[in-house]
PDB file of N, CA and C in Angstrom:
ATOM      1  N   MET A   1     270.720  73.382 114.895  1.00  0.00           N
ATOM      2  CA  MET A   1     271.526  72.534 114.107  1.00  0.00           C
ATOM      3  C   MET A   1     271.284  71.637 113.125  1.00  0.00           C
ATOM      4  N   SER A   2     271.276  71.461 112.111  1.00  0.00           N
ATOM      5  CA  SER A   2     271.471  70.019 111.209  1.00  0.00           C
ATOM      6  C   SER A   2     272.149  69.065 111.461  1.00  0.00           C
ATOM      7  N   ALA A   3     270.833  68.012 110.692  1.00  0.00           N
ATOM      8  CA  ALA A   3     271.376  66.714 110.931  1.00  0.00           C
ATOM      9  C   ALA A   3     272.605  66.458 110.103  1.00  0.00           C
ATOM     10  N   THR A   4     273.458  67.781 109.091  1.00  0.00           N
ATOM     11  CA  THR A   4     274.320  66.811 108.617  1.00  0.00           C
ATOM     12  C   THR A   4     275.907  67.834 109.368  1.00  0.00           C
ATOM     13  N   ALA A   5     275.047  68.982 110.074  1.00  0.00           N
ATOM     14  CA  ALA A   5     276.576  69.492 110.380  1.00  0.00           C
ATOM     15  C   ALA A   5     277.874  68.748 110.806  1.00  0.00           C
ATOM     16  N   ASN A   6     277.769  67.202 111.347  1.00  0.00           N
ATOM     17  CA  ASN A   6     278.727  66.855 111.082  1.00  0.00           C
ATOM     18  C   ASN A   6     279.542  65.918 110.256  1.00  0.00           C
ATOM     19  N   TYR A   7     278.763  66.418 108.940  1.00  0.00           N
ATOM     20  CA  TYR A   7     279.123  66.284 108.105  1.00  0.00           C
ATOM     21  C   TYR A   7     280.243  66.834 107.366  1.00  0.00           C
ATOM     22  N   PHE A   8     280.524  67.636 107.990  1.00  0.00           N
ATOM     23  CA  PHE A   8     282.005  68.652 107.692  1.00  0.00           C
ATOM     24  C   PHE A   8     283.156  69.133 108.446  1.00  0.00           C
ATOM     25  N   TRP A   9     283.903  69.661 108.079  1.00  0.00           N
ATOM     26  CA  TRP A   9     285.515  69.965 108.946  1.00  0.00           C
ATOM     27  C   TRP A   9     285.609  71.578 108.480  1.00  0.00           C
ATOM     28  N   THR A  10     285.909  72.125 109.259  1.00  0.00           N
ATOM     29  CA  THR A  10     286.471  73.827 109.068  1.00  0.00           C
ATOM     30  C   THR A  10     287.460  73.901 108.784  1.00  0.00           C
ATOM     31  N   LYS A  11     288.733  74.839 108.525  1.00  0.00           N
ATOM     32  CA  LYS A  11     290.075  74.333 109.554  1.00  0.00           C
ATOM     33  C   LYS A  11     290.690  76.687 108.948  1.00  0.00           C
ATOM     34  N   LYS A  12     290.762  76.992 109.249  1.00  0.00           N
ATOM     35  CA  LYS A  12     291.579  78.606 108.815  1.00  0.00           C
ATOM     36  C   LYS A  12     292.838  78.127 108.363  1.00  0.00           C
ATOM     37  N   GLN A  13     292.517  78.424 107.138  1.00  0.00           N
ATOM     38  CA  GLN A  13     293.950  78.973 106.293  1.00  0.00           C
ATOM     39  C   GLN A  13     295.548  79.630 107.051  1.00  0.00           C
ATOM     40  N   ASP A  14     296.278  79.368 106.114  1.00  0.00           N
ATOM     41  CA  ASP A  14     297.449  80.905 107.042  1.00  0.00           C
ATOM     42  C   ASP A  14     296.463  82.093 105.730  1.00  0.00           C
ATOM     43  N   ASP A  15     296.111  82.306 105.052  1.00  0.00           N
ATOM     44  CA  ASP A  15     295.167  83.686 104.704  1.00  0.00           C
ATOM     45  C   ASP A  15     294.001  84.171 105.228  1.00  0.00           C
ATOM     46  N   GLY A  16     293.781  83.442 106.187  1.00  0.00           N
ATOM     47  CA  GLY A  16     292.378  83.641 107.024  1.00  0.00           C
ATOM     48  C   GLY A  16     291.335  83.700 106.039  1.00  0.00           C
ATOM     49  N   THR A  17     291.049  82.290 105.009  1.00  0.00           N
ATOM     50  CA  THR A  17     290.287  82.184 104.431  1.00  0.00           C
ATOM     51  C   THR A  17     289.848  80.378 105.686  1.00  0.00           C
ATOM     52  N   ILE A  18     288.609  80.211 105.575  1.00  0.00           N
ATOM     53  CA  ILE A  18     287.857  78.917 105.869  1.00  0.00           C
ATOM     54  C   ILE A  18     287.422  77.544 105.221  1.00  0.00           C
ATOM     55  N   ARG A  19     288.900  76.312 105.377  1.00  0.00           N
ATOM     56  CA  ARG A  19     288.712  75.112 104.833  1.00  0.00           C
ATOM     57  C   ARG A  19     287.124  74.647 104.579  1.00  0.00           C
ATOM     58  N   ILE A  20     286.483  74.022 104.277  1.00  0.00           N
ATOM     59  CA  ILE A  20     285.265  73.023 103.957  1.00  0.00           C
ATOM     60  C   ILE A  20     285.663  72.039 103.735  1.00  0.00           C
ATOM     61  N   GLY A  21     286.094  70.966 104.342  1.00  0.00           N
ATOM     62  CA  GLY A  21     286.046  69.488 104.126  1.00  0.00           C
ATOM     63  C   GLY A  21     284.315  68.375 104.942  1.00  0.00           C
ATOM     64  N   LEU A  22     285.026  67.684 103.873  1.00  0.00           N
ATOM     65  CA  LEU A  22     284.143  66.114 104.000  1.00  0.00           C
ATOM     66  C   LEU A  22     284.910  66.091 105.051  1.00  0.00           C
ATOM     67  N   SER A  23     283.957  65.578 106.815  1.00  0.00           N
ATOM     68  CA  SER A  23     284.481  64.800 107.697  1.00  0.00           C
ATOM     69  C   SER A  23     284.286  62.867 107.572  1.00  0.00           C
ATOM     70  N   ASP A  24     284.947  62.463 108.220  1.00  0.00           N
ATOM     71  CA  ASP A  24     284.921  61.369 108.115  1.00  0.00           C
ATOM     72  C   ASP A  24     283.091  60.715 108.904  1.00  0.00           C
ATOM     73  N   ALA A  25     282.711  61.179 109.775  1.00  0.00           N
ATOM     74  CA  ALA A  25     280.924  60.892 109.859  1.00  0.00           C
ATOM     75  C   ALA A  25     280.529  61.298 108.556  1.00  0.00           C
ATOM     76  N   GLY A  26     280.534  61.885 107.414  1.00  0.00           N
ATOM     77  CA  GLY A  26     279.766  62.463 106.287  1.00  0.00           C
ATOM     78  C   GLY A  26     280.367  61.907 105.121  1.00  0.00           C
ATOM     79  N   VAL A  27     281.293  60.978 105.420  1.00  0.00           N
ATOM     80  CA  VAL A  27     282.281  59.470 104.546  1.00  0.00           C
ATOM     81  C   VAL A  27     281.286  58.687 104.602  1.00  0.00           C
ATOM     82  N   ASP A  28     281.669  57.888 106.381  1.00  0.00           N
ATOM     83  CA  ASP A  28     280.379  56.977 106.908  1.00  0.00           C
ATOM     84  C   ASP A  28     279.191  57.178 106.444  1.00  0.00           C
ATOM     85  N   ASP A  29     278.312  57.842 106.748  1.00  0.00           N
ATOM     86  CA  ASP A  29     277.046  57.805 106.386  1.00  0.00           C
ATOM     87  C   ASP A  29     276.404  57.942 104.787  1.00  0.00           C
ATOM     88  N   LEU A  30     277.630  58.773 103.674  1.00  0.00           N
ATOM     89  CA  LEU A  30     277.264  59.190 102.726  1.00  0.00           C
ATOM     90  C   LEU A  30     277.782  57.800 101.977  1.00  0.00           C
ATOM     91  N   GLY A  31     278.583  57.677 102.027  1.00  0.00           N
ATOM     92  CA  GLY A  31     279.717  56.459 100.586  1.00  0.00           C
ATOM     93  C   GLY A  31     280.676  57.029 100.483  1.00  0.00           C
ATOM     94  N   LYS A  32     280.930  56.283  98.815  1.00  0.00           N
ATOM     95  CA  LYS A  32     281.857  56.368  97.837  1.00  0.00           C
ATOM     96  C   LYS A  32     280.996  57.985  97.582  1.00  0.00           C
ATOM     97  N   ILE A  33     281.642  58.769  97.183  1.00  0.00           N
ATOM     98  CA  ILE A  33     281.452  59.936  96.562  1.00  0.00           C
ATOM     99  C   ILE A  33     280.812  60.409  95.279  1.00  0.00           C
ATOM    100  N   ASN A  34     280.236  60.395  94.173  1.00  0.00           N
ATOM    101  CA  ASN A  34     280.050  60.091  92.513  1.00  0.00           C
ATOM    102  C   ASN A  34     280.142  61.133  92.235  1.00  0.00           C
ATOM    103  N   PHE A  35     279.691  62.205  92.614  1.00  0.00           N
ATOM    104  CA  PHE A  35     279.149  63.298  91.746  1.00  0.00           C
ATOM    105  C   PHE A  35     279.304  64.450  92.957  1.00  0.00           C
ATOM    106  N   ALA A  36     279.714  65.418  92.792  1.00  0.00           N
ATOM    107  CA  ALA A  36     279.294  66.307  93.422  1.00  0.00           C
ATOM    108  C   ALA A  36     279.083  67.840  92.874  1.00  0.00           C
ATOM    109  N   ASP A  37     278.256  68.922  93.398  1.00  0.00           N
ATOM    110  CA  ASP A  37     277.604  69.797  92.523  1.00  0.00           C
ATOM    111  C   ASP A  37     278.708  71.284  93.319  1.00  0.00           C
ATOM    112  N   VAL A  38     279.816  71.765  93.127  1.00  0.00           N
ATOM    113  CA  VAL A  38     280.494  72.614  94.094  1.00  0.00           C
ATOM    114  C   VAL A  38     280.202  73.803  93.243  1.00  0.00           C
ATOM    115  N   PRO A  39     278.973  74.711  93.986  1.00  0.00           N
ATOM    116  CA  PRO A  39     278.929  75.750  93.911  1.00  0.00           C
ATOM    117  C   PRO A  39     280.421  76.867  93.225  1.00  0.00           C
ATOM    118  N   ALA A  40     280.389  78.023  92.507  1.00  0.00           N
ATOM    119  CA  ALA A  40     280.972  78.726  92.141  1.00  0.00           C
ATOM    120  C   ALA A  40     281.911  79.466  92.662  1.00  0.00           C
ATOM    121  N   THR A  41     283.059  79.975  92.323  1.00  0.00           N
ATOM    122  CA  THR A  41     284.339  80.899  92.489  1.00  0.00           C
ATOM    123  C   THR A  41     283.022  82.641  92.884  1.00  0.00           C
ATOM    124  N   GLY A  42     283.088  83.014  94.362  1.00  0.00           N
ATOM    125  CA  GLY A  42     282.261  84.491  94.277  1.00  0.00           C
ATOM    126  C   GLY A  42     280.428  83.770  94.593  1.00  0.00           C
ATOM    127  N   THR A  43     280.369  82.550  95.165  1.00  0.00           N
ATOM    128  CA  THR A  43     279.027  82.795  95.543  1.00  0.00           C
ATOM    129  C   THR A  43     278.887  83.086  96.819  1.00  0.00           C
ATOM    130  N   LYS A  44     278.214  83.068  97.146  1.00  0.00           N
ATOM    131  CA  LYS A  44     277.742  84.014  98.932  1.00  0.00           C
ATOM    132  C   LYS A  44     276.758  82.670  99.300  1.00  0.00           C
ATOM    133  N   LEU A  45     278.188  81.996 100.236  1.00  0.00           N
ATOM    134  CA  LEU A  45     276.240  81.263 101.200  1.00  0.00           C
ATOM    135  C   LEU A  45     276.587  81.324 102.432  1.00  0.00           C
ATOM    136  N   THR A  46     275.604  80.835 103.124  1.00  0.00           N
ATOM    137  CA  THR A  46     274.691  80.952 104.528  1.00  0.00           C
ATOM    138  C   THR A  46     274.645  80.493 105.083  1.00  0.00           C
ATOM    139  N   THR A  47     275.222  80.452 106.807  1.00  0.00           N
ATOM    140  CA  THR A  47     274.673  79.152 108.011  1.00  0.00           C
ATOM    141  C   THR A  47     273.608  78.679 107.218  1.00  0.00           C
ATOM    142  N   ASP A  48     273.019  76.894 107.090  1.00  0.00           N
ATOM    143  CA  ASP A  48     272.255  76.217 106.328  1.00  0.00           C
ATOM    144  C   ASP A  48     271.451  76.683 105.501  1.00  0.00           C
ATOM    145  N   GLY A  49     271.888  76.775 104.602  1.00  0.00           N
ATOM    146  CA  GLY A  49     271.125  77.588 102.739  1.00  0.00           C
ATOM    147  C   GLY A  49     272.434  76.508 102.469  1.00  0.00           C
ATOM    148  N   PRO A  50     272.110  76.265 101.559  1.00  0.00           N
ATOM    149  CA  PRO A  50     272.584  75.587  99.855  1.00  0.00           C
ATOM    150  C   PRO A  50     274.038  75.478  99.785  1.00  0.00           C
ATOM    151  N   PHE A  51     274.333  74.507  99.555  1.00  0.00           N
ATOM    152  CA  PHE A  51     275.665  74.528  99.624  1.00  0.00           C
ATOM    153  C   PHE A  51     275.890  73.805  98.567  1.00  0.00           C
ATOM    154  N   VAL A  52     276.230  72.130  99.000  1.00  0.00           N
ATOM    155  CA  VAL A  52     276.753  71.560  97.250  1.00  0.00           C
ATOM    156  C   VAL A  52     275.371  70.415  97.358  1.00  0.00           C
ATOM    157  N   SER A  53     275.773  69.707  96.398  1.00  0.00           N
ATOM    158  CA  SER A  53     274.737  68.758  96.139  1.00  0.00           C
ATOM    159  C   SER A  53     275.695  67.472  95.406  1.00  0.00           C
ATOM    160  N   VAL A  54     275.844  66.205  96.655  1.00  0.00           N
ATOM    161  CA  VAL A  54     276.059  64.864  96.343  1.00  0.00           C
ATOM    162  C   VAL A  54     275.436  64.032  95.472  1.00  0.00           C
ATOM    163  N   GLU A  55     276.062  63.008  94.528  1.00  0.00           N
ATOM    164  CA  GLU A  55     275.380  61.871  94.682  1.00  0.00           C
ATOM    165  C   GLU A  55     276.622  60.736  95.204  1.00  0.00           C
ATOM    166  N   ALA A  56     275.920  60.104  96.312  1.00  0.00           N
ATOM    167  CA  ALA A  56     276.865  59.029  96.638  1.00  0.00           C
ATOM    168  C   ALA A  56     276.382  57.610  96.677  1.00  0.00           C
ATOM    169  N   GLU A  57     277.616  56.396  97.244  1.00  0.00           N
ATOM    170  CA  GLU A  57     276.687  55.523  97.144  1.00  0.00           C
ATOM    171  C   GLU A  57     275.868  54.722  97.965  1.00  0.00           C
ATOM    172  N   LYS A  58     275.607  55.532  98.911  1.00  0.00           N
ATOM    173  CA  LYS A  58     274.314  55.766 100.104  1.00  0.00           C
ATOM    174  C   LYS A  58     272.965  56.687  99.899  1.00  0.00           C
ATOM    175  N   ALA A  59     273.462  57.820  99.514  1.00  0.00           N
ATOM    176  CA  ALA A  59     272.774  58.619  99.360  1.00  0.00           C
ATOM    177  C   ALA A  59     273.191  59.806  98.057  1.00  0.00           C
ATOM    178  N   VAL A  60     271.634  60.540  98.222  1.00  0.00           N
ATOM    179  CA  VAL A  60     272.028  61.590  97.031  1.00  0.00           C
ATOM    180  C   VAL A  60     271.515  62.871  98.574  1.00  0.00           C
ATOM    181  N   SER A  61     272.593  64.114  98.395  1.00  0.00           N
ATOM    182  CA  SER A  61     271.804  65.065  98.896  1.00  0.00           C
ATOM    183  C   SER A  61     272.213  66.585  98.533  1.00  0.00           C
ATOM    184  N   ASP A  62     271.728  67.001  99.059  1.00  0.00           N
ATOM    185  CA  ASP A  62     271.709  68.589  99.385  1.00  0.00           C
ATOM    186  C   ASP A  62     272.608  69.066 100.379  1.00  0.00           C
ATOM    187  N   LEU A  63     273.681  69.013 100.838  1.00  0.00           N
ATOM    188  CA  LEU A  63     273.646  69.069 102.321  1.00  0.00           C
ATOM    189  C   LEU A  63     274.058  70.409 102.215  1.00  0.00           C
ATOM    190  N   PRO A  64     273.644  71.454 103.311  1.00  0.00           N
ATOM    191  CA  PRO A  64     273.430  72.797 103.435  1.00  0.00           C
ATOM    192  C   PRO A  64     274.747  73.948 104.381  1.00  0.00           C
ATOM    193  N   SER A  65     275.164  74.427 104.718  1.00  0.00           N
ATOM    194  CA  SER A  65     276.884  75.348 104.603  1.00  0.00           C
ATOM    195  C   SER A  65     276.764  75.804 106.294  1.00  0.00           C
ATOM    196  N   PRO A  66     278.147  74.803 106.684  1.00  0.00           N
ATOM    197  CA  PRO A  66     278.263  75.011 107.694  1.00  0.00           C
ATOM    198  C   PRO A  66     278.501  76.278 108.830  1.00  0.00           C
ATOM    199  N   LEU A  67     278.872  77.489 107.049  1.00  0.00           N
ATOM    200  CA  LEU A  67     279.540  78.559 107.598  1.00  0.00           C
ATOM    201  C   LEU A  67     278.648  79.713 106.973  1.00  0.00           C
ATOM    202  N   THR A  68     278.959  80.793 107.386  1.00  0.00           N
ATOM    203  CA  THR A  68     278.803  82.391 105.953  1.00  0.00           C
ATOM    204  C   THR A  68     279.949  82.540 105.434  1.00  0.00           C
ATOM    205  N   GLY A  69     279.805  83.161 104.556  1.00  0.00           N
ATOM    206  CA  GLY A  69     280.677  83.679 103.849  1.00  0.00           C
ATOM    207  C   GLY A  69     280.543  83.799 102.174  1.00  0.00           C
ATOM    208  N   VAL A  70     282.149  83.660 101.898  1.00  0.00           N
ATOM    209  CA  VAL A  70     281.635  84.190 100.078  1.00  0.00           C
ATOM    210  C   VAL A  70     283.195  83.164  99.628  1.00  0.00           C
ATOM    211  N   ILE A  71     283.015  81.822  98.471  1.00  0.00           N
ATOM    212  CA  ILE A  71     283.616  80.876  97.883  1.00  0.00           C
ATOM    213  C   ILE A  71     284.545  81.404  97.412  1.00  0.00           C
ATOM    214  N   SER A  72     286.205  81.529  98.007  1.00  0.00           N
ATOM    215  CA  SER A  72     287.512  82.185  97.587  1.00  0.00           C
ATOM    216  C   SER A  72     287.608  81.100  96.638  1.00  0.00           C
ATOM    217  N   GLN A  73     287.758  79.978  97.007  1.00  0.00           N
ATOM    218  CA  GLN A  73     288.404  78.950  95.885  1.00  0.00           C
ATOM    219  C   GLN A  73     287.831  78.129  96.351  1.00  0.00           C
ATOM    220  N   ILE A  74     288.491  77.260  94.842  1.00  0.00           N
ATOM    221  CA  ILE A  74     287.270  75.834  95.241  1.00  0.00           C
ATOM    222  C   ILE A  74     288.588  74.670  94.782  1.00  0.00           C
ATOM    223  N   ASN A  75     288.659  73.583  95.646  1.00  0.00           N
ATOM    224  CA  ASN A  75     289.492  72.643  95.776  1.00  0.00           C
ATOM    225  C   ASN A  75     289.748  72.163  94.276  1.00  0.00           C
ATOM    226  N   PRO A  76     291.074  72.518  93.359  1.00  0.00           N
ATOM    227  CA  PRO A  76     291.197  72.490  92.086  1.00  0.00           C
ATOM    228  C   PRO A  76     290.747  70.457  91.456  1.00  0.00           C
ATOM    229  N   ALA A  77     291.021  69.734  92.789  1.00  0.00           N
ATOM    230  CA  ALA A  77     291.132  68.130  91.975  1.00  0.00           C
ATOM    231  C   ALA A  77     289.855  67.756  91.732  1.00  0.00           C
ATOM    232  N   LEU A  78     288.491  68.482  92.370  1.00  0.00           N
ATOM    233  CA  LEU A  78     287.579  68.097  92.544  1.00  0.00           C
ATOM    234  C   LEU A  78     287.277  69.096  90.851  1.00  0.00           C
ATOM    235  N   SER A  79     288.084  69.267  89.909  1.00  0.00           N
ATOM    236  CA  SER A  79     287.574  69.829  88.501  1.00  0.00           C
ATOM    237  C   SER A  79     287.409  68.370  87.790  1.00  0.00           C
ATOM    238  N   GLU A  80     287.887  67.728  87.815  1.00  0.00           N
ATOM    239  CA  GLU A  80     288.651  66.003  87.683  1.00  0.00           C
ATOM    240  C   GLU A  80     288.101  65.465  87.696  1.00  0.00           C
ATOM    241  N   GLY A  81     286.678  65.568  89.079  1.00  0.00           N
ATOM    242  CA  GLY A  81     286.037  64.322  89.222  1.00  0.00           C
ATOM    243  C   GLY A  81     286.017  64.840  90.958  1.00  0.00           C
ATOM    244  N   PRO A  82     284.977  63.821  91.668  1.00  0.00           N
ATOM    245  CA  PRO A  82     285.227  63.459  93.235  1.00  0.00           C
ATOM    246  C   PRO A  82     285.915  62.704  93.875  1.00  0.00           C
ATOM    247  N   GLU A  83     287.072  61.947  93.012  1.00  0.00           N
ATOM    248  CA  GLU A  83     288.129  61.336  93.549  1.00  0.00           C
ATOM    249  C   GLU A  83     288.559  61.816  95.187  1.00  0.00           C
ATOM    250  N   ALA A  84     288.601  62.815  94.873  1.00  0.00           N
ATOM    251  CA  ALA A  84     289.197  64.085  95.990  1.00  0.00           C
ATOM    252  C   ALA A  84     288.809  63.475  97.661  1.00  0.00           C
ATOM    253  N   LEU A  85     287.759  64.216  96.974  1.00  0.00           N
ATOM    254  CA  LEU A  85     286.493  63.503  98.424  1.00  0.00           C
ATOM    255  C   LEU A  85     286.127  61.875  99.120  1.00  0.00           C
ATOM    256  N   ASN A  86     286.639  61.322  98.290  1.00  0.00           N
ATOM    257  CA  ASN A  86     287.011  59.828  98.300  1.00  0.00           C
ATOM    258  C   ASN A  86     287.770  59.241  99.500  1.00  0.00           C
ATOM    259  N   SER A  87     289.083  60.428  99.846  1.00  0.00           N
ATOM    260  CA  SER A  87     290.258  60.055 100.148  1.00  0.00           C
ATOM    261  C   SER A  87     291.099  59.428 101.549  1.00  0.00           C
ATOM    262  N   GLY A  88     291.397  58.697 101.696  1.00  0.00           N
ATOM    263  CA  GLY A  88     291.365  57.983 102.977  1.00  0.00           C
ATOM    264  C   GLY A  88     292.139  59.371 103.723  1.00  0.00           C
ATOM    265  N   ASN A  89     292.948  61.066 103.156  1.00  0.00           N
ATOM    266  CA  ASN A  89     293.112  61.025 104.209  1.00  0.00           C
ATOM    267  C   ASN A  89     292.464  62.556 104.211  1.00  0.00           C
ATOM    268  N   LEU A  90     292.317  63.247 105.346  1.00  0.00           N
ATOM    269  CA  LEU A  90     291.224  63.541 105.741  1.00  0.00           C
ATOM    270  C   LEU A  90     291.404  65.759 104.955  1.00  0.00           C
ATOM    271  N   THR A  91     292.799  66.070 105.065  1.00  0.00           N
ATOM    272  CA  THR A  91     293.156  67.287 104.516  1.00  0.00           C
ATOM    273  C   THR A  91     293.155  67.400 102.872  1.00  0.00           C
ATOM    274  N   ASP A  92     292.789  66.073 102.350  1.00  0.00           N
ATOM    275  CA  ASP A  92     292.919  66.049 100.892  1.00  0.00           C
ATOM    276  C   ASP A  92     291.322  66.554 100.762  1.00  0.00           C
ATOM    277  N   ARG A  93     290.762  65.541 101.497  1.00  0.00           N
ATOM    278  CA  ARG A  93     289.003  66.384 101.695  1.00  0.00           C
ATOM    279  C   ARG A  93     288.199  67.512 102.064  1.00  0.00           C
ATOM    280  N   TRP A  94     288.662  68.062 100.684  1.00  0.00           N
ATOM    281  CA  TRP A  94     288.299  69.525 101.359  1.00  0.00           C
ATOM    282  C   TRP A  94     287.342  69.329  99.766  1.00  0.00           C
ATOM    283  N   PHE A  95     286.073  70.832 100.005  1.00  0.00           N
ATOM    284  CA  PHE A  95     285.567  71.222  99.118  1.00  0.00           C
ATOM    285  C   PHE A  95     286.125  72.970  98.411  1.00  0.00           C
ATOM    286  N   VAL A  96     285.706  73.591  99.740  1.00  0.00           N
ATOM    287  CA  VAL A  96     286.623  74.800  99.094  1.00  0.00           C
ATOM    288  C   VAL A  96     286.456  76.609  99.984  1.00  0.00           C
ATOM    289  N   ASP A  97     287.197  77.582  99.991  1.00  0.00           N
ATOM    290  CA  ASP A  97     287.726  77.769 101.150  1.00  0.00           C
ATOM    291  C   ASP A  97     286.506  79.180 100.727  1.00  0.00           C
ATOM    292  N   VAL A  98     286.567  79.627 102.014  1.00  0.00           N
ATOM    293  CA  VAL A  98     285.640  80.620 102.365  1.00  0.00           C
ATOM    294  C   VAL A  98     286.406  81.806 103.108  1.00  0.00           C
ATOM    295  N   LYS A  99     285.861  83.347 102.298  1.00  0.00           N
ATOM    296  CA  LYS A  99     286.261  84.540 103.678  1.00  0.00           C
ATOM    297  C   LYS A  99     284.910  85.164 103.574  1.00  0.00           C
TER     298      LYS A  99
END
């Protein structure tokens, strides 16, 4: 298991996809997110393979994927910037849905 595995939470959605979000542990370790480079819809992810690059207050990191699947949706709030990833509300801090 990678050292960054606890940076994410996952939750099955009503449509059967799995949502991947930034956990409290990820926020604590990274600090405020200033930039996030999220792969495009249709990108295939593999467990521990490349997932998202973030520039944050405490670190610049390439974070590995916590699961295998294909990105079906990107958090629309991220098109405006990374502010959603800095939310105090865990459910707002999501990157993508994967099928």
